[in-house]
Amino acid sequence: MRFFGKTQIDFIGLRRKAFLLSGIIIAIGITSIVLKGG
């Protein structure tokens, strides 16, 4: 039983974008902690 037909998802490309997005979010979080003093 297939819920999805032929899925052509570029997981490598998505992974690269996900790492970039995660890095940006982490950087914003660290900056916020530093600026607000914990």
PDB file of N, CA and C in Angstrom:
ATOM      1  N   MET A   1       0.848  -1.190   0.000  1.00  0.00           N
ATOM      2  CA  MET A   1       0.000   0.000   0.000  1.00  0.00           C
ATOM      3  C   MET A   1       0.887   1.245   0.000  1.00  0.00           C
ATOM      4  N   ARG A   2       0.776   2.014  -1.026  1.00  0.00           N
ATOM      5  CA  ARG A   2       1.612   3.211  -1.137  1.00  0.00           C
ATOM      6  C   ARG A   2       0.761   4.456  -0.922  1.00  0.00           C
ATOM      7  N   PHE A   3       1.181   5.251   0.032  1.00  0.00           N
ATOM      8  CA  PHE A   3       0.478   6.506   0.270  1.00  0.00           C
ATOM      9  C   PHE A   3       0.923   7.561  -0.729  1.00  0.00           C
ATOM     10  N   PHE A   4       2.192   7.492  -1.101  1.00  0.00           N
ATOM     11  CA  PHE A   4       2.744   8.440  -2.061  1.00  0.00           C
ATOM     12  C   PHE A   4       3.201   7.667  -3.284  1.00  0.00           C
ATOM     13  N   GLY A   5       3.014   8.260  -4.426  1.00  0.00           N
ATOM     14  CA  GLY A   5       3.470   7.635  -5.661  1.00  0.00           C
ATOM     15  C   GLY A   5       4.973   7.724  -5.770  1.00  0.00           C
ATOM     16  N   LYS A   6       5.430   8.173  -6.897  1.00  0.00           N
ATOM     17  CA  LYS A   6       6.868   8.344  -7.088  1.00  0.00           C
ATOM     18  C   LYS A   6       7.279   9.700  -6.530  1.00  0.00           C
ATOM     19  N   THR A   7       7.920   9.669  -5.397  1.00  0.00           N
ATOM     20  CA  THR A   7       8.346  10.926  -4.780  1.00  0.00           C
ATOM     21  C   THR A   7       9.779  11.212  -5.179  1.00  0.00           C
ATOM     22  N   GLN A   8       9.990  12.338  -5.784  1.00  0.00           N
ATOM     23  CA  GLN A   8      11.330  12.756  -6.193  1.00  0.00           C
ATOM     24  C   GLN A   8      11.734  13.929  -5.308  1.00  0.00           C
ATOM     25  N   ILE A   9      12.244  13.635  -4.139  1.00  0.00           N
ATOM     26  CA  ILE A   9      12.636  14.675  -3.190  1.00  0.00           C
ATOM     27  C   ILE A   9      14.153  14.704  -3.112  1.00  0.00           C
ATOM     28  N   ASP A  10      14.716  15.889  -3.239  1.00  0.00           N
ATOM     29  CA  ASP A  10      16.168  16.051  -3.173  1.00  0.00           C
ATOM     30  C   ASP A  10      16.586  16.181  -1.708  1.00  0.00           C
ATOM     31  N   PHE A  11      16.813  15.034  -1.059  1.00  0.00           N
ATOM     32  CA  PHE A  11      17.122  15.050   0.366  1.00  0.00           C
ATOM     33  C   PHE A  11      18.467  15.705   0.662  1.00  0.00           C
ATOM     34  N   ILE A  12      19.431  15.557  -0.238  1.00  0.00           N
ATOM     35  CA  ILE A  12      20.744  16.168  -0.017  1.00  0.00           C
ATOM     36  C   ILE A  12      20.616  17.686  -0.030  1.00  0.00           C
ATOM     37  N   GLY A  13      19.913  18.219  -1.009  1.00  0.00           N
ATOM     38  CA  GLY A  13      19.693  19.661  -1.092  1.00  0.00           C
ATOM     39  C   GLY A  13      18.913  20.171   0.109  1.00  0.00           C
ATOM     40  N   LEU A  14      17.898  19.426   0.505  1.00  0.00           N
ATOM     41  CA  LEU A  14      17.101  19.833   1.662  1.00  0.00           C
ATOM     42  C   LEU A  14      17.929  19.785   2.933  1.00  0.00           C
ATOM     43  N   ARG A  15      18.816  18.787   3.029  1.00  0.00           N
ATOM     44  CA  ARG A  15      19.656  18.665   4.215  1.00  0.00           C
ATOM     45  C   ARG A  15      20.595  19.855   4.336  1.00  0.00           C
ATOM     46  N   ARG A  16      21.145  20.279   3.223  1.00  0.00           N
ATOM     47  CA  ARG A  16      22.047  21.435   3.234  1.00  0.00           C
ATOM     48  C   ARG A  16      21.299  22.685   3.697  1.00  0.00           C
ATOM     49  N   LYS A  17      20.078  22.879   3.196  1.00  0.00           N
ATOM     50  CA  LYS A  17      19.271  24.033   3.607  1.00  0.00           C
ATOM     51  C   LYS A  17      18.875  23.916   5.076  1.00  0.00           C
ATOM     52  N   ALA A  18      18.590  22.710   5.527  1.00  0.00           N
ATOM     53  CA  ALA A  18      18.202  22.509   6.921  1.00  0.00           C
ATOM     54  C   ALA A  18      19.366  22.824   7.856  1.00  0.00           C
ATOM     55  N   PHE A  19      20.584  22.403   7.484  1.00  0.00           N
ATOM     56  CA  PHE A  19      21.758  22.734   8.298  1.00  0.00           C
ATOM     57  C   PHE A  19      21.971  24.234   8.358  1.00  0.00           C
ATOM     58  N   LEU A  20      21.790  24.910   7.232  1.00  0.00           N
ATOM     59  CA  LEU A  20      21.961  26.360   7.191  1.00  0.00           C
ATOM     60  C   LEU A  20      20.928  27.038   8.089  1.00  0.00           C
ATOM     61  N   LEU A  21      19.678  26.617   7.971  1.00  0.00           N
ATOM     62  CA  LEU A  21      18.616  27.203   8.788  1.00  0.00           C
ATOM     63  C   LEU A  21      18.863  26.944  10.271  1.00  0.00           C
ATOM     64  N   SER A  22      19.267  25.733  10.613  1.00  0.00           N
ATOM     65  CA  SER A  22      19.560  25.401  12.008  1.00  0.00           C
ATOM     66  C   SER A  22      20.713  26.247  12.540  1.00  0.00           C
ATOM     67  N   GLY A  23      21.742  26.417  11.734  1.00  0.00           N
ATOM     68  CA  GLY A  23      22.886  27.236  12.140  1.00  0.00           C
ATOM     69  C   GLY A  23      22.479  28.669  12.415  1.00  0.00           C
ATOM     70  N   ILE A  24      21.616  29.214  11.554  1.00  0.00           N
ATOM     71  CA  ILE A  24      21.147  30.588  11.750  1.00  0.00           C
ATOM     72  C   ILE A  24      20.336  30.695  13.040  1.00  0.00           C
ATOM     73  N   ILE A  25      19.454  29.746  13.279  1.00  0.00           N
ATOM     74  CA  ILE A  25      18.627  29.768  14.489  1.00  0.00           C
ATOM     75  C   ILE A  25      19.497  29.650  15.737  1.00  0.00           C
ATOM     76  N   ILE A  26      20.494  28.765  15.705  1.00  0.00           N
ATOM     77  CA  ILE A  26      21.403  28.606  16.842  1.00  0.00           C
ATOM     78  C   ILE A  26      22.183  29.885  17.083  1.00  0.00           C
ATOM     79  N   ALA A  27      22.673  30.514  16.008  1.00  0.00           N
ATOM     80  CA  ALA A  27      23.428  31.765  16.141  1.00  0.00           C
ATOM     81  C   ALA A  27      22.558  32.856  16.755  1.00  0.00           C
ATOM     82  N   ILE A  28      21.305  32.948  16.329  1.00  0.00           N
ATOM     83  CA  ILE A  28      20.389  33.937  16.897  1.00  0.00           C
ATOM     84  C   ILE A  28      20.159  33.652  18.381  1.00  0.00           C
ATOM     85  N   GLY A  29      19.995  32.394  18.731  1.00  0.00           N
ATOM     86  CA  GLY A  29      19.785  32.023  20.130  1.00  0.00           C
ATOM     87  C   GLY A  29      20.977  32.374  21.000  1.00  0.00           C
ATOM     88  N   ILE A  30      22.178  32.047  20.538  1.00  0.00           N
ATOM     89  CA  ILE A  30      23.394  32.355  21.305  1.00  0.00           C
ATOM     90  C   ILE A  30      23.563  33.861  21.446  1.00  0.00           C
ATOM     91  N   THR A  31      23.314  34.595  20.365  1.00  0.00           N
ATOM     92  CA  THR A  31      23.422  36.055  20.415  1.00  0.00           C
ATOM     93  C   THR A  31      22.429  36.630  21.415  1.00  0.00           C
ATOM     94  N   SER A  32      21.220  36.109  21.420  1.00  0.00           N
ATOM     95  CA  SER A  32      20.200  36.578  22.351  1.00  0.00           C
ATOM     96  C   SER A  32      20.618  36.320  23.796  1.00  0.00           C
ATOM     97  N   ILE A  33      21.173  35.137  24.056  1.00  0.00           N
ATOM     98  CA  ILE A  33      21.622  34.802  25.409  1.00  0.00           C
ATOM     99  C   ILE A  33      22.747  35.732  25.847  1.00  0.00           C
ATOM    100  N   VAL A  34      23.689  35.985  24.960  1.00  0.00           N
ATOM    101  CA  VAL A  34      24.826  36.850  25.289  1.00  0.00           C
ATOM    102  C   VAL A  34      24.357  38.278  25.555  1.00  0.00           C
ATOM    103  N   LEU A  35      23.480  38.790  24.702  1.00  0.00           N
ATOM    104  CA  LEU A  35      23.036  40.176  24.837  1.00  0.00           C
ATOM    105  C   LEU A  35      22.154  40.390  26.069  1.00  0.00           C
ATOM    106  N   LYS A  36      21.324  39.406  26.395  1.00  0.00           N
ATOM    107  CA  LYS A  36      20.418  39.560  27.532  1.00  0.00           C
ATOM    108  C   LYS A  36      21.033  39.052  28.833  1.00  0.00           C
ATOM    109  N   GLY A  37      22.208  38.496  28.752  1.00  0.00           N
ATOM    110  CA  GLY A  37      22.898  38.053  29.957  1.00  0.00           C
ATOM    111  C   GLY A  37      22.351  36.782  30.564  1.00  0.00           C
ATOM    112  N   GLY A  38      21.908  35.861  29.740  1.00  0.00           N
ATOM    113  CA  GLY A  38      21.508  34.563  30.246  1.00  0.00           C
ATOM    114  C   GLY A  38      20.032  34.445  30.450  1.00  0.00           C
TER     115      GLY A  38
END
